[in-house]
Amino acid sequence: MTNWRAVLWGFVVGVVAGLFGFLLPVVGHAAAGLLAGFVAGVLAGGGIASGIWHGALAGALDGILLALLVAPIAALIGGAAGGPAGGLLGGAGVLVIGVAIALVFAVDSAIGGAIGALLS
């Protein structure tokens, strides 16, 4: 059963750490995902599988939020540069890439969740 409190706290930690992650673009976001998963895994407890599940959920929610925030901005920039078609392609392209990023965040956070569950 999913402990949504653990997922929510992992999500919040991931968002806050992700904001600081912009200071070190690749390493900072990887660390943010690991930290979000770690928090979710520690709070969920229940073994490695539970930590992986809760960490992956927290990381995926972080990636989805990031994609939903960036896609409208890309659509505006694309619309200003290339008209309506540029806006559509810019927003849709960022949304598709955002889904891929959500998967990467989920894997990263799942690893952190496994570590957190082991240590809890």
PDB file of N, CA and C in Angstrom:
ATOM      1  N   MET A   1       0.845  -1.176   0.000  1.00  0.00           N
ATOM      2  CA  MET A   1       0.000   0.000   0.000  1.00  0.00           C
ATOM      3  C   MET A   1       0.895   1.246   0.000  1.00  0.00           C
ATOM      4  N   THR A   2       0.477   2.250  -0.707  1.00  0.00           N
ATOM      5  CA  THR A   2       1.272   3.461  -0.848  1.00  0.00           C
ATOM      6  C   THR A   2       1.069   4.380   0.344  1.00  0.00           C
ATOM      7  N   ASN A   3       2.177   4.828   0.911  1.00  0.00           N
ATOM      8  CA  ASN A   3       2.163   5.801   1.996  1.00  0.00           C
ATOM      9  C   ASN A   3       2.288   7.182   1.350  1.00  0.00           C
ATOM     10  N   TRP A   4       1.154   7.834   1.131  1.00  0.00           N
ATOM     11  CA  TRP A   4       1.151   9.100   0.409  1.00  0.00           C
ATOM     12  C   TRP A   4       1.798  10.224   1.197  1.00  0.00           C
ATOM     13  N   ARG A   5       1.836  10.091   2.512  1.00  0.00           N
ATOM     14  CA  ARG A   5       2.536  11.087   3.320  1.00  0.00           C
ATOM     15  C   ARG A   5       4.031  11.050   3.011  1.00  0.00           C
ATOM     16  N   ALA A   6       4.593   9.860   2.884  1.00  0.00           N
ATOM     17  CA  ALA A   6       6.010   9.727   2.544  1.00  0.00           C
ATOM     18  C   ALA A   6       6.277  10.255   1.142  1.00  0.00           C
ATOM     19  N   VAL A   7       5.389   9.951   0.208  1.00  0.00           N
ATOM     20  CA  VAL A   7       5.551  10.429  -1.171  1.00  0.00           C
ATOM     21  C   VAL A   7       5.465  11.951  -1.209  1.00  0.00           C
ATOM     22  N   LEU A   8       4.516  12.532  -0.477  1.00  0.00           N
ATOM     23  CA  LEU A   8       4.348  13.982  -0.460  1.00  0.00           C
ATOM     24  C   LEU A   8       5.583  14.669   0.123  1.00  0.00           C
ATOM     25  N   TRP A   9       6.114  14.146   1.223  1.00  0.00           N
ATOM     26  CA  TRP A   9       7.308  14.751   1.808  1.00  0.00           C
ATOM     27  C   TRP A   9       8.513  14.590   0.886  1.00  0.00           C
ATOM     28  N   GLY A  10       8.629  13.452   0.230  1.00  0.00           N
ATOM     29  CA  GLY A  10       9.700  13.280  -0.743  1.00  0.00           C
ATOM     30  C   GLY A  10       9.557  14.247  -1.903  1.00  0.00           C
ATOM     31  N   PHE A  11       8.337  14.467  -2.341  1.00  0.00           N
ATOM     32  CA  PHE A  11       8.049  15.413  -3.418  1.00  0.00           C
ATOM     33  C   PHE A  11       8.458  16.829  -3.008  1.00  0.00           C
ATOM     34  N   VAL A  12       8.077  17.243  -1.807  1.00  0.00           N
ATOM     35  CA  VAL A  12       8.401  18.591  -1.328  1.00  0.00           C
ATOM     36  C   VAL A  12       9.917  18.766  -1.221  1.00  0.00           C
ATOM     37  N   VAL A  13      10.594  17.780  -0.668  1.00  0.00           N
ATOM     38  CA  VAL A  13      12.056  17.851  -0.564  1.00  0.00           C
ATOM     39  C   VAL A  13      12.673  17.908  -1.956  1.00  0.00           C
ATOM     40  N   GLY A  14      12.126  17.154  -2.897  1.00  0.00           N
ATOM     41  CA  GLY A  14      12.644  17.161  -4.263  1.00  0.00           C
ATOM     42  C   GLY A  14      12.471  18.502  -4.948  1.00  0.00           C
ATOM     43  N   VAL A  15      11.330  19.158  -4.718  1.00  0.00           N
ATOM     44  CA  VAL A  15      11.094  20.471  -5.325  1.00  0.00           C
ATOM     45  C   VAL A  15      12.054  21.504  -4.742  1.00  0.00           C
ATOM     46  N   VAL A  16      12.181  21.512  -3.426  1.00  0.00           N
ATOM     47  CA  VAL A  16      13.065  22.489  -2.781  1.00  0.00           C
ATOM     48  C   VAL A  16      14.519  22.236  -3.177  1.00  0.00           C
ATOM     49  N   ALA A  17      14.942  20.983  -3.123  1.00  0.00           N
ATOM     50  CA  ALA A  17      16.317  20.655  -3.504  1.00  0.00           C
ATOM     51  C   ALA A  17      16.540  20.893  -4.992  1.00  0.00           C
ATOM     52  N   GLY A  18      15.514  20.689  -5.801  1.00  0.00           N
ATOM     53  CA  GLY A  18      15.627  20.934  -7.239  1.00  0.00           C
ATOM     54  C   GLY A  18      15.819  22.405  -7.557  1.00  0.00           C
ATOM     55  N   LEU A  19      15.218  23.274  -6.752  1.00  0.00           N
ATOM     56  CA  LEU A  19      15.429  24.707  -6.939  1.00  0.00           C
ATOM     57  C   LEU A  19      16.890  25.070  -6.684  1.00  0.00           C
ATOM     58  N   PHE A  20      17.473  24.482  -5.651  1.00  0.00           N
ATOM     59  CA  PHE A  20      18.889  24.691  -5.387  1.00  0.00           C
ATOM     60  C   PHE A  20      19.757  23.963  -6.402  1.00  0.00           C
ATOM     61  N   GLY A  21      19.193  22.933  -7.025  1.00  0.00           N
ATOM     62  CA  GLY A  21      19.928  22.166  -8.022  1.00  0.00           C
ATOM     63  C   GLY A  21      20.287  22.949  -9.257  1.00  0.00           C
ATOM     64  N   PHE A  22      19.598  24.063  -9.497  1.00  0.00           N
ATOM     65  CA  PHE A  22      19.922  24.894 -10.653  1.00  0.00           C
ATOM     66  C   PHE A  22      21.298  25.548 -10.512  1.00  0.00           C
ATOM     67  N   LEU A  23      21.844  25.568  -9.299  1.00  0.00           N
ATOM     68  CA  LEU A  23      23.182  26.126  -9.104  1.00  0.00           C
ATOM     69  C   LEU A  23      24.248  25.211  -9.714  1.00  0.00           C
ATOM     70  N   LEU A  24      24.017  23.910  -9.677  1.00  0.00           N
ATOM     71  CA  LEU A  24      24.891  22.910 -10.309  1.00  0.00           C
ATOM     72  C   LEU A  24      24.008  22.054 -11.206  1.00  0.00           C
ATOM     73  N   PRO A  25      23.780  22.451 -12.447  1.00  0.00           N
ATOM     74  CA  PRO A  25      22.715  21.889 -13.270  1.00  0.00           C
ATOM     75  C   PRO A  25      22.591  20.366 -13.311  1.00  0.00           C
ATOM     76  N   VAL A  26      23.601  19.614 -13.596  1.00  0.00           N
ATOM     77  CA  VAL A  26      23.426  18.166 -13.709  1.00  0.00           C
ATOM     78  C   VAL A  26      23.547  17.495 -12.353  1.00  0.00           C
ATOM     79  N   VAL A  27      24.601  17.815 -11.645  1.00  0.00           N
ATOM     80  CA  VAL A  27      24.856  17.188 -10.352  1.00  0.00           C
ATOM     81  C   VAL A  27      23.793  17.589  -9.335  1.00  0.00           C
ATOM     82  N   GLY A  28      23.382  18.839  -9.359  1.00  0.00           N
ATOM     83  CA  GLY A  28      22.396  19.317  -8.399  1.00  0.00           C
ATOM     84  C   GLY A  28      21.052  18.630  -8.535  1.00  0.00           C
ATOM     85  N   HIS A  29      20.609  18.399  -9.766  1.00  0.00           N
ATOM     86  CA  HIS A  29      19.318  17.737  -9.962  1.00  0.00           C
ATOM     87  C   HIS A  29      19.404  16.246  -9.661  1.00  0.00           C
ATOM     88  N   ALA A  30      20.538  15.645  -9.931  1.00  0.00           N
ATOM     89  CA  ALA A  30      20.710  14.232  -9.568  1.00  0.00           C
ATOM     90  C   ALA A  30      20.686  14.086  -8.048  1.00  0.00           C
ATOM     91  N   ALA A  31      21.357  14.991  -7.365  1.00  0.00           N
ATOM     92  CA  ALA A  31      21.361  14.955  -5.902  1.00  0.00           C
ATOM     93  C   ALA A  31      19.965  15.233  -5.350  1.00  0.00           C
ATOM     94  N   ALA A  32      19.225  16.117  -5.989  1.00  0.00           N
ATOM     95  CA  ALA A  32      17.864  16.420  -5.541  1.00  0.00           C
ATOM     96  C   ALA A  32      16.975  15.183  -5.664  1.00  0.00           C
ATOM     97  N   GLY A  33      17.124  14.449  -6.756  1.00  0.00           N
ATOM     98  CA  GLY A  33      16.343  13.227  -6.928  1.00  0.00           C
ATOM     99  C   GLY A  33      16.701  12.172  -5.907  1.00  0.00           C
ATOM    100  N   LEU A  34      17.987  12.007  -5.656  1.00  0.00           N
ATOM    101  CA  LEU A  34      18.411  11.042  -4.640  1.00  0.00           C
ATOM    102  C   LEU A  34      17.890  11.427  -3.266  1.00  0.00           C
ATOM    103  N   LEU A  35      17.950  12.712  -2.947  1.00  0.00           N
ATOM    104  CA  LEU A  35      17.484  13.186  -1.645  1.00  0.00           C
ATOM    105  C   LEU A  35      15.973  13.011  -1.500  1.00  0.00           C
ATOM    106  N   ALA A  36      15.219  13.318  -2.556  1.00  0.00           N
ATOM    107  CA  ALA A  36      13.758  13.148  -2.512  1.00  0.00           C
ATOM    108  C   ALA A  36      13.395  11.683  -2.300  1.00  0.00           C
ATOM    109  N   GLY A  37      14.055  10.802  -3.031  1.00  0.00           N
ATOM    110  CA  GLY A  37      13.793   9.382  -2.861  1.00  0.00           C
ATOM    111  C   GLY A  37      14.200   8.877  -1.490  1.00  0.00           C
ATOM    112  N   PHE A  38      15.331   9.387  -0.996  1.00  0.00           N
ATOM    113  CA  PHE A  38      15.802   8.985   0.328  1.00  0.00           C
ATOM    114  C   PHE A  38      14.778   9.327   1.397  1.00  0.00           C
ATOM    115  N   VAL A  39      14.254  10.555   1.345  1.00  0.00           N
ATOM    116  CA  VAL A  39      13.255  10.981   2.339  1.00  0.00           C
ATOM    117  C   VAL A  39      11.997  10.115   2.234  1.00  0.00           C
ATOM    118  N   ALA A  40      11.538   9.878   1.011  1.00  0.00           N
ATOM    119  CA  ALA A  40      10.341   9.043   0.834  1.00  0.00           C
ATOM    120  C   ALA A  40      10.591   7.623   1.327  1.00  0.00           C
ATOM    121  N   GLY A  41      11.778   7.085   1.040  1.00  0.00           N
ATOM    122  CA  GLY A  41      12.097   5.727   1.480  1.00  0.00           C
ATOM    123  C   GLY A  41      12.204   5.600   2.985  1.00  0.00           C
ATOM    124  N   VAL A  42      12.816   6.588   3.624  1.00  0.00           N
ATOM    125  CA  VAL A  42      12.942   6.560   5.084  1.00  0.00           C
ATOM    126  C   VAL A  42      11.570   6.655   5.739  1.00  0.00           C
ATOM    127  N   LEU A  43      10.741   7.566   5.254  1.00  0.00           N
ATOM    128  CA  LEU A  43       9.421   7.742   5.861  1.00  0.00           C
ATOM    129  C   LEU A  43       8.498   6.559   5.599  1.00  0.00           C
ATOM    130  N   ALA A  44       8.636   5.919   4.438  1.00  0.00           N
ATOM    131  CA  ALA A  44       7.767   4.791   4.113  1.00  0.00           C
ATOM    132  C   ALA A  44       8.205   3.528   4.837  1.00  0.00           C
ATOM    133  N   GLY A  45       9.536   3.319   4.935  1.00  0.00           N
ATOM    134  CA  GLY A  45      10.037   2.101   5.568  1.00  0.00           C
ATOM    135  C   GLY A  45       9.553   0.862   4.839  1.00  0.00           C
ATOM    136  N   GLY A  46       9.570  -0.272   5.496  1.00  0.00           N
ATOM    137  CA  GLY A  46       8.987  -1.479   4.952  1.00  0.00           C
ATOM    138  C   GLY A  46       9.836  -2.255   3.968  1.00  0.00           C
ATOM    139  N   GLY A  47      11.105  -1.983   3.850  1.00  0.00           N
ATOM    140  CA  GLY A  47      11.967  -2.768   2.983  1.00  0.00           C
ATOM    141  C   GLY A  47      12.344  -2.054   1.695  1.00  0.00           C
ATOM    142  N   ILE A  48      13.214  -2.707   0.949  1.00  0.00           N
ATOM    143  CA  ILE A  48      13.769  -2.107  -0.263  1.00  0.00           C
ATOM    144  C   ILE A  48      12.686  -1.856  -1.310  1.00  0.00           C
ATOM    145  N   ALA A  49      11.798  -2.814  -1.517  1.00  0.00           N
ATOM    146  CA  ALA A  49      10.759  -2.650  -2.546  1.00  0.00           C
ATOM    147  C   ALA A  49       9.861  -1.460  -2.229  1.00  0.00           C
ATOM    148  N   SER A  50       9.524  -1.286  -0.969  1.00  0.00           N
ATOM    149  CA  SER A  50       8.701  -0.149  -0.567  1.00  0.00           C
ATOM    150  C   SER A  50       9.451   1.162  -0.778  1.00  0.00           C
ATOM    151  N   GLY A  51      10.732   1.181  -0.456  1.00  0.00           N
ATOM    152  CA  GLY A  51      11.536   2.386  -0.666  1.00  0.00           C
ATOM    153  C   GLY A  51      11.648   2.738  -2.133  1.00  0.00           C
ATOM    154  N   ILE A  52      11.850   1.735  -2.969  1.00  0.00           N
ATOM    155  CA  ILE A  52      11.930   1.971  -4.415  1.00  0.00           C
ATOM    156  C   ILE A  52      10.616   2.545  -4.926  1.00  0.00           C
ATOM    157  N   TRP A  53       9.506   1.958  -4.518  1.00  0.00           N
ATOM    158  CA  TRP A  53       8.193   2.409  -4.979  1.00  0.00           C
ATOM    159  C   TRP A  53       7.918   3.848  -4.554  1.00  0.00           C
ATOM    160  N   HIS A  54       8.106   4.151  -3.287  1.00  0.00           N
ATOM    161  CA  HIS A  54       7.803   5.487  -2.786  1.00  0.00           C
ATOM    162  C   HIS A  54       8.774   6.528  -3.335  1.00  0.00           C
ATOM    163  N   GLY A  55      10.036   6.161  -3.465  1.00  0.00           N
ATOM    164  CA  GLY A  55      11.006   7.074  -4.056  1.00  0.00           C
ATOM    165  C   GLY A  55      10.695   7.370  -5.512  1.00  0.00           C
ATOM    166  N   ALA A  56      10.320   6.329  -6.260  1.00  0.00           N
ATOM    167  CA  ALA A  56       9.987   6.516  -7.676  1.00  0.00           C
ATOM    168  C   ALA A  56       8.758   7.410  -7.838  1.00  0.00           C
ATOM    169  N   LEU A  57       7.763   7.243  -6.990  1.00  0.00           N
ATOM    170  CA  LEU A  57       6.578   8.099  -7.062  1.00  0.00           C
ATOM    171  C   LEU A  57       6.927   9.557  -6.767  1.00  0.00           C
ATOM    172  N   ALA A  58       7.729   9.775  -5.740  1.00  0.00           N
ATOM    173  CA  ALA A  58       8.115  11.151  -5.398  1.00  0.00           C
ATOM    174  C   ALA A  58       8.908  11.782  -6.541  1.00  0.00           C
ATOM    175  N   GLY A  59       9.844  11.045  -7.116  1.00  0.00           N
ATOM    176  CA  GLY A  59      10.648  11.583  -8.212  1.00  0.00           C
ATOM    177  C   GLY A  59       9.839  11.838  -9.468  1.00  0.00           C
ATOM    178  N   ALA A  60       8.910  10.940  -9.778  1.00  0.00           N
ATOM    179  CA  ALA A  60       8.074  11.125 -10.962  1.00  0.00           C
ATOM    180  C   ALA A  60       7.179  12.352 -10.810  1.00  0.00           C
ATOM    181  N   LEU A  61       6.645  12.562  -9.626  1.00  0.00           N
ATOM    182  CA  LEU A  61       5.822  13.759  -9.399  1.00  0.00           C
ATOM    183  C   LEU A  61       6.654  15.027  -9.551  1.00  0.00           C
ATOM    184  N   ASP A  62       7.906  15.000  -9.095  1.00  0.00           N
ATOM    185  CA  ASP A  62       8.795  16.147  -9.285  1.00  0.00           C
ATOM    186  C   ASP A  62       9.011  16.429 -10.766  1.00  0.00           C
ATOM    187  N   GLY A  63       9.274  15.391 -11.539  1.00  0.00           N
ATOM    188  CA  GLY A  63       9.509  15.563 -12.971  1.00  0.00           C
ATOM    189  C   GLY A  63       8.275  16.057 -13.707  1.00  0.00           C
ATOM    190  N   ILE A  64       7.113  15.555 -13.335  1.00  0.00           N
ATOM    191  CA  ILE A  64       5.869  15.990 -13.966  1.00  0.00           C
ATOM    192  C   ILE A  64       5.601  17.461 -13.655  1.00  0.00           C
ATOM    193  N   LEU A  65       5.808  17.869 -12.405  1.00  0.00           N
ATOM    194  CA  LEU A  65       5.612  19.275 -12.050  1.00  0.00           C
ATOM    195  C   LEU A  65       6.564  20.170 -12.829  1.00  0.00           C
ATOM    196  N   LEU A  66       7.815  19.755 -12.946  1.00  0.00           N
ATOM    197  CA  LEU A  66       8.787  20.542 -13.699  1.00  0.00           C
ATOM    198  C   LEU A  66       8.352  20.691 -15.156  1.00  0.00           C
ATOM    199  N   ALA A  67       7.891  19.610 -15.762  1.00  0.00           N
ATOM    200  CA  ALA A  67       7.454  19.663 -17.162  1.00  0.00           C
ATOM    201  C   ALA A  67       6.234  20.569 -17.324  1.00  0.00           C
ATOM    202  N   LEU A  68       5.299  20.502 -16.390  1.00  0.00           N
ATOM    203  CA  LEU A  68       4.098  21.334 -16.481  1.00  0.00           C
ATOM    204  C   LEU A  68       4.409  22.815 -16.267  1.00  0.00           C
ATOM    205  N   LEU A  69       5.459  23.113 -15.525  1.00  0.00           N
ATOM    206  CA  LEU A  69       5.834  24.504 -15.316  1.00  0.00           C
ATOM    207  C   LEU A  69       6.617  25.071 -16.495  1.00  0.00           C
ATOM    208  N   VAL A  70       7.445  24.248 -17.131  1.00  0.00           N
ATOM    209  CA  VAL A  70       8.320  24.733 -18.192  1.00  0.00           C
ATOM    210  C   VAL A  70       7.617  24.753 -19.552  1.00  0.00           C
ATOM    211  N   ALA A  71       6.689  23.860 -19.812  1.00  0.00           N
ATOM    212  CA  ALA A  71       6.039  23.766 -21.126  1.00  0.00           C
ATOM    213  C   ALA A  71       5.327  25.062 -21.531  1.00  0.00           C
ATOM    214  N   PRO A  72       4.549  25.716 -20.662  1.00  0.00           N
ATOM    215  CA  PRO A  72       3.920  26.970 -21.089  1.00  0.00           C
ATOM    216  C   PRO A  72       4.937  28.078 -21.408  1.00  0.00           C
ATOM    217  N   ILE A  73       6.023  28.108 -20.664  1.00  0.00           N
ATOM    218  CA  ILE A  73       7.069  29.109 -20.931  1.00  0.00           C
ATOM    219  C   ILE A  73       7.684  28.854 -22.302  1.00  0.00           C
ATOM    220  N   ALA A  74       7.949  27.597 -22.615  1.00  0.00           N
ATOM    221  CA  ALA A  74       8.509  27.260 -23.931  1.00  0.00           C
ATOM    222  C   ALA A  74       7.516  27.575 -25.040  1.00  0.00           C
ATOM    223  N   ALA A  75       6.229  27.376 -24.774  1.00  0.00           N
ATOM    224  CA  ALA A  75       5.219  27.699 -25.784  1.00  0.00           C
ATOM    225  C   ALA A  75       5.174  29.202 -26.047  1.00  0.00           C
ATOM    226  N   LEU A  76       5.304  30.007 -25.014  1.00  0.00           N
ATOM    227  CA  LEU A  76       5.329  31.454 -25.195  1.00  0.00           C
ATOM    228  C   LEU A  76       6.552  31.907 -25.979  1.00  0.00           C
ATOM    229  N   ILE A  77       7.697  31.348 -25.634  1.00  0.00           N
ATOM    230  CA  ILE A  77       8.926  31.717 -26.348  1.00  0.00           C
ATOM    231  C   ILE A  77       8.856  31.247 -27.799  1.00  0.00           C
ATOM    232  N   GLY A  78       8.377  30.022 -28.005  1.00  0.00           N
ATOM    233  CA  GLY A  78       8.240  29.511 -29.370  1.00  0.00           C
ATOM    234  C   GLY A  78       7.229  30.298 -30.172  1.00  0.00           C
ATOM    235  N   GLY A  79       6.145  30.727 -29.529  1.00  0.00           N
ATOM    236  CA  GLY A  79       5.145  31.531 -30.214  1.00  0.00           C
ATOM    237  C   GLY A  79       5.668  32.898 -30.607  1.00  0.00           C
ATOM    238  N   ALA A  80       6.498  33.470 -29.751  1.00  0.00           N
ATOM    239  CA  ALA A  80       7.077  34.777 -30.066  1.00  0.00           C
ATOM    240  C   ALA A  80       8.093  34.668 -31.197  1.00  0.00           C
ATOM    241  N   ALA A  81       8.810  33.558 -31.242  1.00  0.00           N
ATOM    242  CA  ALA A  81       9.866  33.399 -32.251  1.00  0.00           C
ATOM    243  C   ALA A  81       9.344  32.836 -33.566  1.00  0.00           C
ATOM    244  N   GLY A  82       8.368  31.930 -33.504  1.00  0.00           N
ATOM    245  CA  GLY A  82       7.952  31.256 -34.723  1.00  0.00           C
ATOM    246  C   GLY A  82       6.474  31.259 -34.993  1.00  0.00           C
ATOM    247  N   GLY A  83       5.723  32.106 -34.353  1.00  0.00           N
ATOM    248  CA  GLY A  83       4.287  32.164 -34.579  1.00  0.00           C
ATOM    249  C   GLY A  83       3.564  31.019 -33.881  1.00  0.00           C
ATOM    250  N   PRO A  84       2.315  30.774 -34.259  1.00  0.00           N
ATOM    251  CA  PRO A  84       1.513  29.738 -33.591  1.00  0.00           C
ATOM    252  C   PRO A  84       2.123  28.340 -33.703  1.00  0.00           C
ATOM    253  N   ALA A  85       2.664  28.018 -34.861  1.00  0.00           N
ATOM    254  CA  ALA A  85       3.274  26.683 -35.013  1.00  0.00           C
ATOM    255  C   ALA A  85       4.488  26.545 -34.107  1.00  0.00           C
ATOM    256  N   GLY A  86       5.264  27.602 -33.975  1.00  0.00           N
ATOM    257  CA  GLY A  86       6.428  27.566 -33.083  1.00  0.00           C
ATOM    258  C   GLY A  86       6.016  27.386 -31.640  1.00  0.00           C
ATOM    259  N   GLY A  87       4.926  28.036 -31.253  1.00  0.00           N
ATOM    260  CA  GLY A  87       4.425  27.875 -29.893  1.00  0.00           C
ATOM    261  C   GLY A  87       3.955  26.461 -29.621  1.00  0.00           C
ATOM    262  N   LEU A  88       3.228  25.890 -30.591  1.00  0.00           N
ATOM    263  CA  LEU A  88       2.742  24.524 -30.430  1.00  0.00           C
ATOM    264  C   LEU A  88       3.896  23.541 -30.353  1.00  0.00           C
ATOM    265  N   LEU A  89       4.835  23.658 -31.274  1.00  0.00           N
ATOM    266  CA  LEU A  89       5.966  22.738 -31.282  1.00  0.00           C
ATOM    267  C   LEU A  89       6.869  22.934 -30.071  1.00  0.00           C
ATOM    268  N   GLY A  90       7.052  24.194 -29.662  1.00  0.00           N
ATOM    269  CA  GLY A  90       7.885  24.449 -28.487  1.00  0.00           C
ATOM    270  C   GLY A  90       7.281  23.871 -27.225  1.00  0.00           C
ATOM    271  N   GLY A  91       6.009  24.115 -27.003  1.00  0.00           N
ATOM    272  CA  GLY A  91       5.350  23.600 -25.806  1.00  0.00           C
ATOM    273  C   GLY A  91       5.231  22.093 -25.805  1.00  0.00           C
ATOM    274  N   ALA A  92       4.836  21.530 -26.946  1.00  0.00           N
ATOM    275  CA  ALA A  92       4.692  20.067 -27.031  1.00  0.00           C
ATOM    276  C   ALA A  92       6.035  19.370 -26.921  1.00  0.00           C
ATOM    277  N   GLY A  93       7.054  19.969 -27.528  1.00  0.00           N
ATOM    278  CA  GLY A  93       8.386  19.364 -27.445  1.00  0.00           C
ATOM    279  C   GLY A  93       8.907  19.325 -26.026  1.00  0.00           C
ATOM    280  N   VAL A  94       8.718  20.406 -25.306  1.00  0.00           N
ATOM    281  CA  VAL A  94       9.166  20.446 -23.920  1.00  0.00           C
ATOM    282  C   VAL A  94       8.354  19.476 -23.070  1.00  0.00           C
ATOM    283  N   LEU A  95       7.076  19.336 -23.360  1.00  0.00           N
ATOM    284  CA  LEU A  95       6.249  18.405 -22.599  1.00  0.00           C
ATOM    285  C   LEU A  95       6.699  16.970 -22.814  1.00  0.00           C
ATOM    286  N   VAL A  96       7.024  16.604 -24.050  1.00  0.00           N
ATOM    287  CA  VAL A  96       7.506  15.250 -24.336  1.00  0.00           C
ATOM    288  C   VAL A  96       8.848  15.009 -23.657  1.00  0.00           C
ATOM    289  N   ILE A  97       9.738  15.979 -23.754  1.00  0.00           N
ATOM    290  CA  ILE A  97      11.033  15.847 -23.083  1.00  0.00           C
ATOM    291  C   ILE A  97      10.832  15.822 -21.569  1.00  0.00           C
ATOM    292  N   GLY A  98       9.849  16.572 -21.077  1.00  0.00           N
ATOM    293  CA  GLY A  98       9.553  16.575 -19.648  1.00  0.00           C
ATOM    294  C   GLY A  98       9.107  15.219 -19.138  1.00  0.00           C
ATOM    295  N   VAL A  99       8.364  14.479 -19.949  1.00  0.00           N
ATOM    296  CA  VAL A  99       7.961  13.129 -19.554  1.00  0.00           C
ATOM    297  C   VAL A  99       9.196  12.229 -19.452  1.00  0.00           C
ATOM    298  N   ALA A 100      10.127  12.385 -20.377  1.00  0.00           N
ATOM    299  CA  ALA A 100      11.376  11.617 -20.308  1.00  0.00           C
ATOM    300  C   ALA A 100      12.165  12.001 -19.060  1.00  0.00           C
ATOM    301  N   ILE A 101      12.190  13.287 -18.738  1.00  0.00           N
ATOM    302  CA  ILE A 101      12.882  13.737 -17.532  1.00  0.00           C
ATOM    303  C   ILE A 101      12.203  13.171 -16.288  1.00  0.00           C
ATOM    304  N   ALA A 102      10.877  13.091 -16.300  1.00  0.00           N
ATOM    305  CA  ALA A 102      10.156  12.507 -15.168  1.00  0.00           C
ATOM    306  C   ALA A 102      10.570  11.054 -14.953  1.00  0.00           C
ATOM    307  N   LEU A 103      10.779  10.330 -16.028  1.00  0.00           N
ATOM    308  CA  LEU A 103      11.244   8.944 -15.895  1.00  0.00           C
ATOM    309  C   LEU A 103      12.648   8.892 -15.300  1.00  0.00           C
ATOM    310  N   VAL A 104      13.511   9.800 -15.738  1.00  0.00           N
ATOM    311  CA  VAL A 104      14.872   9.837 -15.189  1.00  0.00           C
ATOM    312  C   VAL A 104      14.829  10.207 -13.709  1.00  0.00           C
ATOM    313  N   PHE A 105      14.006  11.192 -13.337  1.00  0.00           N
ATOM    314  CA  PHE A 105      13.864  11.562 -11.930  1.00  0.00           C
ATOM    315  C   PHE A 105      13.331  10.390 -11.121  1.00  0.00           C
ATOM    316  N   ALA A 106      12.428   9.611 -11.706  1.00  0.00           N
ATOM    317  CA  ALA A 106      11.861   8.470 -10.993  1.00  0.00           C
ATOM    318  C   ALA A 106      12.922   7.414 -10.716  1.00  0.00           C
ATOM    319  N   VAL A 107      13.788   7.151 -11.685  1.00  0.00           N
ATOM    320  CA  VAL A 107      14.842   6.148 -11.493  1.00  0.00           C
ATOM    321  C   VAL A 107      15.819   6.625 -10.424  1.00  0.00           C
ATOM    322  N   ASP A 108      16.227   7.868 -10.517  1.00  0.00           N
ATOM    323  CA  ASP A 108      17.148   8.455  -9.550  1.00  0.00           C
ATOM    324  C   ASP A 108      16.556   8.416  -8.142  1.00  0.00           C
ATOM    325  N   SER A 109      15.314   8.790  -8.015  1.00  0.00           N
ATOM    326  CA  SER A 109      14.658   8.801  -6.712  1.00  0.00           C
ATOM    327  C   SER A 109      14.394   7.390  -6.198  1.00  0.00           C
ATOM    328  N   ALA A 110      14.183   6.440  -7.100  1.00  0.00           N
ATOM    329  CA  ALA A 110      13.993   5.054  -6.671  1.00  0.00           C
ATOM    330  C   ALA A 110      15.264   4.515  -6.023  1.00  0.00           C
ATOM    331  N   ILE A 111      16.405   4.884  -6.573  1.00  0.00           N
ATOM    332  CA  ILE A 111      17.683   4.470  -5.970  1.00  0.00           C
ATOM    333  C   ILE A 111      17.815   5.086  -4.582  1.00  0.00           C
ATOM    334  N   GLY A 112      17.507   6.382  -4.470  1.00  0.00           N
ATOM    335  CA  GLY A 112      17.534   7.033  -3.160  1.00  0.00           C
ATOM    336  C   GLY A 112      16.538   6.418  -2.197  1.00  0.00           C
ATOM    337  N   GLY A 113      15.366   6.024  -2.695  1.00  0.00           N
ATOM    338  CA  GLY A 113      14.360   5.386  -1.849  1.00  0.00           C
ATOM    339  C   GLY A 113      14.816   4.041  -1.317  1.00  0.00           C
ATOM    340  N   ALA A 114      15.518   3.285  -2.159  1.00  0.00           N
ATOM    341  CA  ALA A 114      16.038   1.989  -1.717  1.00  0.00           C
ATOM    342  C   ALA A 114      17.064   2.183  -0.605  1.00  0.00           C
ATOM    343  N   ILE A 115      17.931   3.172  -0.787  1.00  0.00           N
ATOM    344  CA  ILE A 115      18.947   3.461   0.238  1.00  0.00           C
ATOM    345  C   ILE A 115      18.270   3.931   1.530  1.00  0.00           C
ATOM    346  N   GLY A 116      17.278   4.806   1.393  1.00  0.00           N
ATOM    347  CA  GLY A 116      16.562   5.294   2.575  1.00  0.00           C
ATOM    348  C   GLY A 116      15.832   4.187   3.308  1.00  0.00           C
ATOM    349  N   ALA A 117      15.220   3.273   2.569  1.00  0.00           N
ATOM    350  CA  ALA A 117      14.508   2.163   3.206  1.00  0.00           C
ATOM    351  C   ALA A 117      15.472   1.225   3.911  1.00  0.00           C
ATOM    352  N   LEU A 118      16.655   1.028   3.339  1.00  0.00           N
ATOM    353  CA  LEU A 118      17.652   0.191   3.985  1.00  0.00           C
ATOM    354  C   LEU A 118      18.130   0.792   5.308  1.00  0.00           C
ATOM    355  N   LEU A 119      18.230   2.103   5.342  1.00  0.00           N
ATOM    356  CA  LEU A 119      18.731   2.764   6.543  1.00  0.00           C
ATOM    357  C   LEU A 119      17.652   3.035   7.581  1.00  0.00           C
ATOM    358  N   SER A 120      16.382   2.855   7.229  1.00  0.00           N
ATOM    359  CA  SER A 120      15.322   3.132   8.212  1.00  0.00           C
ATOM    360  C   SER A 120      15.069   1.951   9.115  1.00  0.00           C
TER     361      SER A 120
END
